[in-house]
Amino acid sequence: MDSKAEKISDAELEVLKILWTHNESMTERQIIDALHGGSGWHRATIQTLIRRLCEKGVVQKEKKGVFYFSAAVTKREYAQERTADLLNRVYGGNAKNLVSAMLNDNILSEQGIDDLRSYWRERRNEK
């Protein structure tokens, strides 16, 4: 994804979430309809967000009579890049410091900790 994730605003992310949820190309009208009610944004605002995402290369458009828009990055790619960015910028690339902060600040629930233990055991058994 080439560091595009950190350049995506929260508002632009809402458009991407719509595209990820629908998992298929959508017209501008479909995106506007999906966002308009819940966001309170005007049509022109949503059009601007779509245009910016296209300019940033995270949304692509294709003309099929009308323009259809689709995510050029997956939700997983976006999450991976944002996680790596957080880890590097805030914790100097040290995952232990990230996990320690999550434990010390009670960000992880007991269930979350148990889930991580199970995940870690599964990963170790795969190797």
Protein backbone atom coordinates (compact mmCIF):
# COMPACT_ATOMS: atom_id res chain seq x y z
CA MET A 1 0.00 0.00 0.00
CA ASP A 2 3.06 2.21 0.11
CA SER A 3 2.31 4.45 3.17
CA LYS A 4 -1.01 5.64 1.79
CA ALA A 5 -2.85 4.56 4.94
CA GLU A 6 -1.50 7.33 7.12
CA LYS A 7 -2.72 9.90 4.60
CA ILE A 8 -6.34 8.76 4.82
CA SER A 9 -8.53 10.99 6.97
CA ASP A 10 -11.20 9.62 9.29
CA ALA A 11 -13.89 10.88 6.92
CA GLU A 12 -12.22 9.22 3.93
CA LEU A 13 -11.99 6.01 5.93
CA GLU A 14 -15.78 6.00 6.24
CA VAL A 15 -16.04 5.88 2.44
CA LEU A 16 -13.53 3.02 2.32
CA LYS A 17 -15.53 1.12 4.94
CA ILE A 18 -18.61 1.34 2.72
CA LEU A 19 -16.64 -0.06 -0.22
CA TRP A 20 -15.16 -2.85 1.93
CA THR A 21 -18.59 -3.75 3.32
CA HIS A 22 -20.22 -3.98 -0.08
CA ASN A 23 -17.22 -5.84 -1.49
CA GLU A 24 -18.04 -4.79 -5.05
CA SER A 25 -17.82 -1.73 -7.25
CA MET A 26 -20.34 0.96 -6.40
CA THR A 27 -21.62 4.00 -8.19
CA GLU A 28 -21.21 7.42 -6.66
CA ARG A 29 -24.97 7.45 -6.03
CA GLN A 30 -24.77 4.14 -4.12
CA ILE A 31 -21.92 5.44 -1.95
CA ILE A 32 -23.78 8.68 -1.27
CA ASP A 33 -26.95 6.78 -0.35
CA ALA A 34 -25.00 4.47 1.96
CA LEU A 35 -23.30 7.39 3.76
CA HIS A 36 -25.82 10.20 3.57
CA GLY A 37 -28.23 9.14 6.29
CA GLY A 38 -25.74 8.11 8.95
CA SER A 39 -23.03 10.69 8.39
CA GLY A 40 -25.07 13.84 7.91
CA TRP A 41 -22.68 14.82 5.11
CA HIS A 42 -23.93 16.60 2.04
CA ARG A 43 -23.57 15.07 -1.40
CA ALA A 44 -20.76 17.47 -2.36
CA THR A 45 -18.76 16.45 0.73
CA ILE A 46 -19.02 12.78 -0.15
CA GLN A 47 -18.06 13.49 -3.77
CA THR A 48 -14.97 15.34 -2.52
CA LEU A 49 -14.01 12.42 -0.28
CA ILE A 50 -14.35 9.97 -3.18
CA ARG A 51 -12.24 12.22 -5.44
CA ARG A 52 -9.51 12.53 -2.79
CA LEU A 53 -9.38 8.78 -2.27
CA CYS A 54 -8.98 8.29 -6.02
CA GLU A 55 -6.17 10.86 -6.08
CA LYS A 56 -4.44 9.02 -3.21
CA GLY A 57 -4.67 5.75 -5.10
CA VAL A 58 -6.70 3.86 -2.50
CA VAL A 59 -9.91 3.93 -4.55
CA GLN A 60 -10.09 3.22 -8.24
CA LYS A 61 -12.78 4.20 -10.68
CA GLU A 62 -13.93 2.51 -13.83
CA LYS A 63 -16.35 3.88 -16.40
CA LYS A 64 -19.18 1.51 -17.30
CA GLY A 65 -21.73 4.02 -18.56
CA VAL A 66 -21.31 5.75 -15.19
CA PHE A 67 -18.27 5.62 -12.95
CA TYR A 68 -17.97 2.69 -10.56
CA PHE A 69 -15.67 2.93 -7.56
CA SER A 70 -13.90 0.16 -5.69
CA ALA A 71 -11.27 -0.06 -2.97
CA ALA A 72 -7.77 -0.47 -4.35
CA VAL A 73 -6.59 -1.69 -0.93
CA THR A 74 -8.13 -4.32 1.31
CA LYS A 75 -9.19 -3.73 4.86
CA ARG A 76 -6.41 -6.09 5.93
CA GLU A 77 -3.75 -4.16 3.98
CA TYR A 78 -4.96 -0.91 5.54
CA ALA A 79 -4.94 -2.40 9.06
CA GLN A 80 -1.47 -3.89 8.59
CA GLU A 81 -0.01 -0.60 7.47
CA ARG A 82 -1.67 1.42 10.24
CA THR A 83 -0.51 -1.13 12.84
CA ALA A 84 3.07 -1.08 11.55
CA ASP A 85 3.01 2.72 11.52
CA LEU A 86 1.79 2.84 15.14
CA LEU A 87 4.35 0.28 16.23
CA ASN A 88 7.22 2.13 14.55
CA ARG A 89 6.26 5.73 15.33
CA VAL A 90 5.05 5.32 18.90
CA TYR A 91 6.89 2.24 20.16
CA GLY A 92 10.10 2.35 18.13
CA GLY A 93 9.23 -0.92 16.40
CA ASN A 94 9.15 -2.80 19.71
CA ALA A 95 6.04 -4.99 19.89
CA LYS A 96 6.72 -5.83 23.55
CA ASN A 97 6.33 -2.15 24.44
CA LEU A 98 3.03 -1.99 22.57
CA VAL A 99 1.63 -5.06 24.31
CA SER A 100 2.95 -3.86 27.69
CA ALA A 101 1.18 -0.54 27.23
CA MET A 102 -2.05 -2.34 26.34
CA LEU A 103 -1.77 -4.53 29.44
CA ASN A 104 -0.72 -1.74 31.81
CA ASP A 105 -3.49 0.57 30.62
CA ASN A 106 -6.14 -2.19 30.82
CA ILE A 107 -6.88 -1.90 27.10
CA LEU A 108 -6.96 -5.68 26.80
CA SER A 109 -9.72 -7.54 28.63
CA GLU A 110 -9.08 -10.88 30.31
CA GLN A 111 -10.84 -12.49 27.34
CA GLY A 112 -8.55 -10.59 24.97
CA ILE A 113 -5.50 -11.83 26.86
CA ASP A 114 -6.81 -15.42 26.75
CA ASP A 115 -7.44 -15.05 23.01
CA LEU A 116 -3.86 -13.86 22.51
CA ARG A 117 -2.51 -16.81 24.51
CA SER A 118 -4.50 -19.23 22.34
CA TYR A 119 -3.39 -17.47 19.18
CA TRP A 120 0.26 -17.58 20.27
CA ARG A 121 0.04 -21.31 21.06
CA GLU A 122 -1.51 -22.01 17.66
CA ARG A 123 1.20 -19.99 15.89
CA ARG A 124 3.97 -21.83 17.76
CA ASN A 125 2.45 -25.22 16.87
CA GLU A 126 2.34 -24.29 13.16
CA LYS A 127 6.12 -23.95 12.99
